[in-house]
Amino acid sequence: MVFAARGGGGTGRYLEWKIRLFFVAAVLLLVGIARELDLLVLLAILVLAGAFVLRFFERPPPVEEDDEDEAEAESEPARD
């Protein structure tokens, strides 16, 4: 495939907060543009930057031992 897998997968721990912050920033940006208020535009950029920073606080989910056992069983050839 063209895209390299980044590992981990899943949606992340803070996905809901990132979505909320995105919509807050979008509203701030649109109001700031419509009313020509540079302060609101800058605030929208800061909110988006805060949502971006959240990705660095996410931890990958712990690997369960059952998953490792299943992966090892699948990788080993079948014995008769």
PDB file of N, CA and C in Angstrom:
ATOM      1  N   MET A   1       0.836  -1.176   0.000  1.00  0.00           N
ATOM      2  CA  MET A   1       0.000   0.000   0.000  1.00  0.00           C
ATOM      3  C   MET A   1       0.883   1.243   0.000  1.00  0.00           C
ATOM      4  N   VAL A   2       0.330   2.344  -0.425  1.00  0.00           N
ATOM      5  CA  VAL A   2       1.092   3.582  -0.536  1.00  0.00           C
ATOM      6  C   VAL A   2       1.391   4.175   0.836  1.00  0.00           C
ATOM      7  N   PHE A   3       0.455   4.063   1.741  1.00  0.00           N
ATOM      8  CA  PHE A   3       0.615   4.667   3.058  1.00  0.00           C
ATOM      9  C   PHE A   3       1.291   3.695   4.013  1.00  0.00           C
ATOM     10  N   ALA A   4       2.266   4.200   4.743  1.00  0.00           N
ATOM     11  CA  ALA A   4       2.947   3.367   5.728  1.00  0.00           C
ATOM     12  C   ALA A   4       2.126   3.321   7.009  1.00  0.00           C
ATOM     13  N   ALA A   5       2.023   2.154   7.594  1.00  0.00           N
ATOM     14  CA  ALA A   5       1.291   2.006   8.850  1.00  0.00           C
ATOM     15  C   ALA A   5       2.098   2.643   9.968  1.00  0.00           C
ATOM     16  N   ARG A   6       1.435   3.427  10.799  1.00  0.00           N
ATOM     17  CA  ARG A   6       2.122   4.094  11.896  1.00  0.00           C
ATOM     18  C   ARG A   6       2.073   3.280  13.166  1.00  0.00           C
ATOM     19  N   GLY A   7       1.506   2.113  13.104  1.00  0.00           N
ATOM     20  CA  GLY A   7       1.418   1.292  14.303  1.00  0.00           C
ATOM     21  C   GLY A   7       0.371   1.818  15.257  1.00  0.00           C
ATOM     22  N   GLY A   8       0.109   1.067  16.278  1.00  0.00           N
ATOM     23  CA  GLY A   8      -0.846   1.511  17.288  1.00  0.00           C
ATOM     24  C   GLY A   8      -2.282   1.358  16.828  1.00  0.00           C
ATOM     25  N   GLY A   9      -2.641   2.061  15.796  1.00  0.00           N
ATOM     26  CA  GLY A   9      -4.004   2.011  15.292  1.00  0.00           C
ATOM     27  C   GLY A   9      -4.974   2.600  16.306  1.00  0.00           C
ATOM     28  N   GLY A  10      -6.221   2.391  16.106  1.00  0.00           N
ATOM     29  CA  GLY A  10      -7.221   2.909  17.025  1.00  0.00           C
ATOM     30  C   GLY A  10      -7.452   4.390  16.805  1.00  0.00           C
ATOM     31  N   THR A  11      -8.282   4.958  17.623  1.00  0.00           N
ATOM     32  CA  THR A  11      -8.657   6.351  17.445  1.00  0.00           C
ATOM     33  C   THR A  11      -7.941   7.290  18.391  1.00  0.00           C
ATOM     34  N   GLY A  12      -7.311   6.779  19.391  1.00  0.00           N
ATOM     35  CA  GLY A  12      -6.626   7.650  20.325  1.00  0.00           C
ATOM     36  C   GLY A  12      -7.488   7.957  21.523  1.00  0.00           C
ATOM     37  N   ARG A  13      -6.818   8.298  22.583  1.00  0.00           N
ATOM     38  CA  ARG A  13      -7.498   8.529  23.849  1.00  0.00           C
ATOM     39  C   ARG A  13      -8.243   9.853  23.881  1.00  0.00           C
ATOM     40  N   TYR A  14      -7.736  10.849  23.186  1.00  0.00           N
ATOM     41  CA  TYR A  14      -8.311  12.192  23.243  1.00  0.00           C
ATOM     42  C   TYR A  14      -9.056  12.571  21.971  1.00  0.00           C
ATOM     43  N   LEU A  15      -9.544  11.616  21.230  1.00  0.00           N
ATOM     44  CA  LEU A  15     -10.197  11.916  19.963  1.00  0.00           C
ATOM     45  C   LEU A  15     -11.395  12.847  20.149  1.00  0.00           C
ATOM     46  N   GLU A  16     -12.225  12.572  21.139  1.00  0.00           N
ATOM     47  CA  GLU A  16     -13.408  13.414  21.355  1.00  0.00           C
ATOM     48  C   GLU A  16     -13.016  14.849  21.683  1.00  0.00           C
ATOM     49  N   TRP A  17     -11.965  15.019  22.484  1.00  0.00           N
ATOM     50  CA  TRP A  17     -11.523  16.370  22.825  1.00  0.00           C
ATOM     51  C   TRP A  17     -10.939  17.080  21.613  1.00  0.00           C
ATOM     52  N   LYS A  18     -10.222  16.356  20.772  1.00  0.00           N
ATOM     53  CA  LYS A  18      -9.661  16.968  19.576  1.00  0.00           C
ATOM     54  C   LYS A  18     -10.771  17.425  18.636  1.00  0.00           C
ATOM     55  N   ILE A  19     -11.827  16.634  18.526  1.00  0.00           N
ATOM     56  CA  ILE A  19     -12.953  17.018  17.672  1.00  0.00           C
ATOM     57  C   ILE A  19     -13.646  18.246  18.231  1.00  0.00           C
ATOM     58  N   ARG A  20     -13.875  18.269  19.529  1.00  0.00           N
ATOM     59  CA  ARG A  20     -14.517  19.435  20.155  1.00  0.00           C
ATOM     60  C   ARG A  20     -13.686  20.694  19.951  1.00  0.00           C
ATOM     61  N   LEU A  21     -12.386  20.578  20.190  1.00  0.00           N
ATOM     62  CA  LEU A  21     -11.507  21.736  20.023  1.00  0.00           C
ATOM     63  C   LEU A  21     -11.471  22.198  18.570  1.00  0.00           C
ATOM     64  N   PHE A  22     -11.531  21.269  17.629  1.00  0.00           N
ATOM     65  CA  PHE A  22     -11.557  21.640  16.221  1.00  0.00           C
ATOM     66  C   PHE A  22     -12.792  22.481  15.910  1.00  0.00           C
ATOM     67  N   PHE A  23     -13.948  22.057  16.398  1.00  0.00           N
ATOM     68  CA  PHE A  23     -15.175  22.806  16.111  1.00  0.00           C
ATOM     69  C   PHE A  23     -15.188  24.156  16.819  1.00  0.00           C
ATOM     70  N   VAL A  24     -14.664  24.219  18.018  1.00  0.00           N
ATOM     71  CA  VAL A  24     -14.561  25.508  18.718  1.00  0.00           C
ATOM     72  C   VAL A  24     -13.657  26.446  17.924  1.00  0.00           C
ATOM     73  N   ALA A  25     -12.532  25.924  17.463  1.00  0.00           N
ATOM     74  CA  ALA A  25     -11.605  26.743  16.684  1.00  0.00           C
ATOM     75  C   ALA A  25     -12.240  27.193  15.366  1.00  0.00           C
ATOM     76  N   ALA A  26     -13.021  26.312  14.748  1.00  0.00           N
ATOM     77  CA  ALA A  26     -13.677  26.674  13.492  1.00  0.00           C
ATOM     78  C   ALA A  26     -14.666  27.816  13.695  1.00  0.00           C
ATOM     79  N   VAL A  27     -15.440  27.751  14.774  1.00  0.00           N
ATOM     80  CA  VAL A  27     -16.395  28.826  15.062  1.00  0.00           C
ATOM     81  C   VAL A  27     -15.658  30.126  15.362  1.00  0.00           C
ATOM     82  N   LEU A  28     -14.611  30.048  16.180  1.00  0.00           N
ATOM     83  CA  LEU A  28     -13.828  31.250  16.481  1.00  0.00           C
ATOM     84  C   LEU A  28     -13.234  31.860  15.208  1.00  0.00           C
ATOM     85  N   LEU A  29     -12.744  31.014  14.325  1.00  0.00           N
ATOM     86  CA  LEU A  29     -12.150  31.499  13.092  1.00  0.00           C
ATOM     87  C   LEU A  29     -13.181  32.182  12.207  1.00  0.00           C
ATOM     88  N   LEU A  30     -14.338  31.540  12.040  1.00  0.00           N
ATOM     89  CA  LEU A  30     -15.373  32.135  11.181  1.00  0.00           C
ATOM     90  C   LEU A  30     -15.888  33.451  11.737  1.00  0.00           C
ATOM     91  N   VAL A  31     -16.100  33.505  13.042  1.00  0.00           N
ATOM     92  CA  VAL A  31     -16.559  34.759  13.657  1.00  0.00           C
ATOM     93  C   VAL A  31     -15.460  35.818  13.557  1.00  0.00           C
ATOM     94  N   GLY A  32     -14.218  35.414  13.777  1.00  0.00           N
ATOM     95  CA  GLY A  32     -13.105  36.356  13.688  1.00  0.00           C
ATOM     96  C   GLY A  32     -12.941  36.917  12.283  1.00  0.00           C
ATOM     97  N   ILE A  33     -13.126  36.072  11.273  1.00  0.00           N
ATOM     98  CA  ILE A  33     -13.030  36.549   9.897  1.00  0.00           C
ATOM     99  C   ILE A  33     -14.200  37.467   9.558  1.00  0.00           C
ATOM    100  N   ALA A  34     -15.410  37.059   9.954  1.00  0.00           N
ATOM    101  CA  ALA A  34     -16.609  37.839   9.631  1.00  0.00           C
ATOM    102  C   ALA A  34     -16.589  39.218  10.298  1.00  0.00           C
ATOM    103  N   ARG A  35     -16.122  39.277  11.529  1.00  0.00           N
ATOM    104  CA  ARG A  35     -16.112  40.555  12.251  1.00  0.00           C
ATOM    105  C   ARG A  35     -14.770  41.268  12.146  1.00  0.00           C
ATOM    106  N   GLU A  36     -13.838  40.654  11.417  1.00  0.00           N
ATOM    107  CA  GLU A  36     -12.511  41.220  11.214  1.00  0.00           C
ATOM    108  C   GLU A  36     -11.799  41.485  12.541  1.00  0.00           C
ATOM    109  N   LEU A  37     -11.858  40.487  13.411  1.00  0.00           N
ATOM    110  CA  LEU A  37     -11.184  40.564  14.706  1.00  0.00           C
ATOM    111  C   LEU A  37      -9.980  39.625  14.699  1.00  0.00           C
ATOM    112  N   ASP A  38      -8.810  40.212  14.600  1.00  0.00           N
ATOM    113  CA  ASP A  38      -7.593  39.410  14.540  1.00  0.00           C
ATOM    114  C   ASP A  38      -7.389  38.589  15.811  1.00  0.00           C
ATOM    115  N   LEU A  39      -7.859  39.108  16.933  1.00  0.00           N
ATOM    116  CA  LEU A  39      -7.688  38.398  18.196  1.00  0.00           C
ATOM    117  C   LEU A  39      -8.406  37.044  18.169  1.00  0.00           C
ATOM    118  N   LEU A  40      -9.609  36.992  17.598  1.00  0.00           N
ATOM    119  CA  LEU A  40     -10.340  35.726  17.515  1.00  0.00           C
ATOM    120  C   LEU A  40      -9.662  34.747  16.554  1.00  0.00           C
ATOM    121  N   VAL A  41      -9.095  35.266  15.479  1.00  0.00           N
ATOM    122  CA  VAL A  41      -8.376  34.403  14.543  1.00  0.00           C
ATOM    123  C   VAL A  41      -7.157  33.805  15.228  1.00  0.00           C
ATOM    124  N   LEU A  42      -6.419  34.615  15.961  1.00  0.00           N
ATOM    125  CA  LEU A  42      -5.255  34.113  16.691  1.00  0.00           C
ATOM    126  C   LEU A  42      -5.666  33.118  17.775  1.00  0.00           C
ATOM    127  N   LEU A  43      -6.770  33.376  18.434  1.00  0.00           N
ATOM    128  CA  LEU A  43      -7.272  32.453  19.444  1.00  0.00           C
ATOM    129  C   LEU A  43      -7.657  31.108  18.810  1.00  0.00           C
ATOM    130  N   ALA A  44      -8.248  31.160  17.623  1.00  0.00           N
ATOM    131  CA  ALA A  44      -8.597  29.924  16.910  1.00  0.00           C
ATOM    132  C   ALA A  44      -7.337  29.126  16.585  1.00  0.00           C
ATOM    133  N   ILE A  45      -6.284  29.811  16.182  1.00  0.00           N
ATOM    134  CA  ILE A  45      -5.023  29.125  15.880  1.00  0.00           C
ATOM    135  C   ILE A  45      -4.453  28.490  17.141  1.00  0.00           C
ATOM    136  N   LEU A  46      -4.546  29.182  18.259  1.00  0.00           N
ATOM    137  CA  LEU A  46      -4.054  28.620  19.519  1.00  0.00           C
ATOM    138  C   LEU A  46      -4.859  27.397  19.952  1.00  0.00           C
ATOM    139  N   VAL A  47      -6.163  27.429  19.743  1.00  0.00           N
ATOM    140  CA  VAL A  47      -7.004  26.287  20.098  1.00  0.00           C
ATOM    141  C   VAL A  47      -6.642  25.085  19.222  1.00  0.00           C
ATOM    142  N   LEU A  48      -6.416  25.318  17.929  1.00  0.00           N
ATOM    143  CA  LEU A  48      -5.999  24.229  17.048  1.00  0.00           C
ATOM    144  C   LEU A  48      -4.632  23.679  17.452  1.00  0.00           C
ATOM    145  N   ALA A  49      -3.737  24.558  17.857  1.00  0.00           N
ATOM    146  CA  ALA A  49      -2.418  24.108  18.309  1.00  0.00           C
ATOM    147  C   ALA A  49      -2.556  23.264  19.573  1.00  0.00           C
ATOM    148  N   GLY A  50      -3.461  23.648  20.466  1.00  0.00           N
ATOM    149  CA  GLY A  50      -3.710  22.861  21.675  1.00  0.00           C
ATOM    150  C   GLY A  50      -4.240  21.476  21.343  1.00  0.00           C
ATOM    151  N   ALA A  51      -5.123  21.392  20.354  1.00  0.00           N
ATOM    152  CA  ALA A  51      -5.643  20.088  19.937  1.00  0.00           C
ATOM    153  C   ALA A  51      -4.529  19.239  19.335  1.00  0.00           C
ATOM    154  N   PHE A  52      -3.618  19.871  18.615  1.00  0.00           N
ATOM    155  CA  PHE A  52      -2.491  19.142  18.030  1.00  0.00           C
ATOM    156  C   PHE A  52      -1.557  18.611  19.112  1.00  0.00           C
ATOM    157  N   VAL A  53      -1.353  19.390  20.150  1.00  0.00           N
ATOM    158  CA  VAL A  53      -0.453  18.983  21.231  1.00  0.00           C
ATOM    159  C   VAL A  53      -1.013  17.778  21.989  1.00  0.00           C
ATOM    160  N   LEU A  54      -2.316  17.623  22.012  1.00  0.00           N
ATOM    161  CA  LEU A  54      -2.928  16.482  22.709  1.00  0.00           C
ATOM    162  C   LEU A  54      -2.431  15.144  22.177  1.00  0.00           C
ATOM    163  N   ARG A  55      -2.051  15.092  20.909  1.00  0.00           N
ATOM    164  CA  ARG A  55      -1.614  13.818  20.348  1.00  0.00           C
ATOM    165  C   ARG A  55      -0.333  13.311  20.993  1.00  0.00           C
ATOM    166  N   PHE A  56       0.456  14.201  21.561  1.00  0.00           N
ATOM    167  CA  PHE A  56       1.713  13.788  22.177  1.00  0.00           C
ATOM    168  C   PHE A  56       1.526  13.266  23.603  1.00  0.00           C
ATOM    169  N   PHE A  57       0.340  13.447  24.159  1.00  0.00           N
ATOM    170  CA  PHE A  57       0.047  12.948  25.498  1.00  0.00           C
ATOM    171  C   PHE A  57      -0.668  11.597  25.477  1.00  0.00           C
ATOM    172  N   GLU A  58      -0.965  11.112  24.282  1.00  0.00           N
ATOM    173  CA  GLU A  58      -1.620   9.819  24.164  1.00  0.00           C
ATOM    174  C   GLU A  58      -0.596   8.718  24.361  1.00  0.00           C
ATOM    175  N   ARG A  59      -1.008   7.688  25.041  1.00  0.00           N
ATOM    176  CA  ARG A  59      -0.156   6.517  25.232  1.00  0.00           C
ATOM    177  C   ARG A  59      -0.777   5.366  24.475  1.00  0.00           C
ATOM    178  N   PRO A  60       0.052   4.539  23.878  1.00  0.00           N
ATOM    179  CA  PRO A  60      -0.538   3.387  23.180  1.00  0.00           C
ATOM    180  C   PRO A  60      -1.210   2.455  24.180  1.00  0.00           C
ATOM    181  N   PRO A  61      -2.275   1.797  23.766  1.00  0.00           N
ATOM    182  CA  PRO A  61      -2.964   0.878  24.685  1.00  0.00           C
ATOM    183  C   PRO A  61      -2.034  -0.259  25.076  1.00  0.00           C
ATOM    184  N   PRO A  62      -2.142  -0.731  26.315  1.00  0.00           N
ATOM    185  CA  PRO A  62      -1.278  -1.837  26.742  1.00  0.00           C
ATOM    186  C   PRO A  62      -1.605  -3.100  25.957  1.00  0.00           C
ATOM    187  N   VAL A  63      -0.570  -3.837  25.643  1.00  0.00           N
ATOM    188  CA  VAL A  63      -0.739  -5.078  24.891  1.00  0.00           C
ATOM    189  C   VAL A  63      -1.119  -6.179  25.872  1.00  0.00           C
ATOM    190  N   GLU A  64      -2.203  -6.851  25.574  1.00  0.00           N
ATOM    191  CA  GLU A  64      -2.657  -7.929  26.443  1.00  0.00           C
ATOM    192  C   GLU A  64      -1.890  -9.197  26.104  1.00  0.00           C
ATOM    193  N   GLU A  65      -1.649 -10.015  27.111  1.00  0.00           N
ATOM    194  CA  GLU A  65      -0.884 -11.242  26.903  1.00  0.00           C
ATOM    195  C   GLU A  65      -1.616 -12.216  25.988  1.00  0.00           C
ATOM    196  N   ASP A  66      -2.948 -12.230  26.029  1.00  0.00           N
ATOM    197  CA  ASP A  66      -3.721 -13.130  25.182  1.00  0.00           C
ATOM    198  C   ASP A  66      -3.464 -12.835  23.708  1.00  0.00           C
ATOM    199  N   ASP A  67      -3.369 -11.542  23.366  1.00  0.00           N
ATOM    200  CA  ASP A  67      -3.113 -11.167  21.979  1.00  0.00           C
ATOM    201  C   ASP A  67      -1.747 -11.657  21.522  1.00  0.00           C
ATOM    202  N   GLU A  68      -0.758 -11.581  22.392  1.00  0.00           N
ATOM    203  CA  GLU A  68       0.578 -12.041  22.041  1.00  0.00           C
ATOM    204  C   GLU A  68       0.585 -13.550  21.809  1.00  0.00           C
ATOM    205  N   ASP A  69      -0.124 -14.299  22.661  1.00  0.00           N
ATOM    206  CA  ASP A  69      -0.184 -15.748  22.509  1.00  0.00           C
ATOM    207  C   ASP A  69      -0.847 -16.134  21.194  1.00  0.00           C
ATOM    208  N   GLU A  70      -1.915 -15.430  20.829  1.00  0.00           N
ATOM    209  CA  GLU A  70      -2.597 -15.706  19.580  1.00  0.00           C
ATOM    210  C   GLU A  70      -1.703 -15.385  18.394  1.00  0.00           C
ATOM    211  N   ALA A  71      -0.966 -14.284  18.478  1.00  0.00           N
ATOM    212  CA  ALA A  71      -0.082 -13.901  17.382  1.00  0.00           C
ATOM    213  C   ALA A  71       1.032 -14.929  17.210  1.00  0.00           C
ATOM    214  N   GLU A  72       1.566 -15.445  18.306  1.00  0.00           N
ATOM    215  CA  GLU A  72       2.614 -16.458  18.219  1.00  0.00           C
ATOM    216  C   GLU A  72       2.061 -17.756  17.645  1.00  0.00           C
ATOM    217  N   ALA A  73       0.841 -18.110  18.030  1.00  0.00           N
ATOM    218  CA  ALA A  73       0.234 -19.349  17.537  1.00  0.00           C
ATOM    219  C   ALA A  73      -0.029 -19.251  16.034  1.00  0.00           C
ATOM    220  N   GLU A  74      -0.393 -18.090  15.554  1.00  0.00           N
ATOM    221  CA  GLU A  74      -0.660 -17.920  14.133  1.00  0.00           C
ATOM    222  C   GLU A  74       0.634 -17.929  13.322  1.00  0.00           C
ATOM    223  N   SER A  75       1.720 -17.440  13.890  1.00  0.00           N
ATOM    224  CA  SER A  75       2.964 -17.354  13.142  1.00  0.00           C
ATOM    225  C   SER A  75       3.707 -18.689  13.085  1.00  0.00           C
ATOM    226  N   GLU A  76       3.441 -19.592  14.024  1.00  0.00           N
ATOM    227  CA  GLU A  76       4.096 -20.891  14.027  1.00  0.00           C
ATOM    228  C   GLU A  76       3.392 -21.833  13.047  1.00  0.00           C
ATOM    229  N   PRO A  77       4.162 -22.696  12.355  1.00  0.00           N
ATOM    230  CA  PRO A  77       3.507 -23.639  11.436  1.00  0.00           C
ATOM    231  C   PRO A  77       2.721 -24.695  12.221  1.00  0.00           C
ATOM    232  N   ALA A  78       1.684 -25.190  11.593  1.00  0.00           N
ATOM    233  CA  ALA A  78       0.841 -26.209  12.239  1.00  0.00           C
ATOM    234  C   ALA A  78       1.589 -27.519  12.345  1.00  0.00           C
ATOM    235  N   ARG A  79       1.468 -28.176  13.478  1.00  0.00           N
ATOM    236  CA  ARG A  79       2.125 -29.462  13.713  1.00  0.00           C
ATOM    237  C   ARG A  79       1.071 -30.564  13.690  1.00  0.00           C
ATOM    238  N   ASP A  80       1.372 -31.609  12.980  1.00  0.00           N
ATOM    239  CA  ASP A  80       0.436 -32.742  12.901  1.00  0.00           C
ATOM    240  C   ASP A  80       0.822 -33.848  13.832  1.00  0.00           C
TER     241      ASP A  80
END
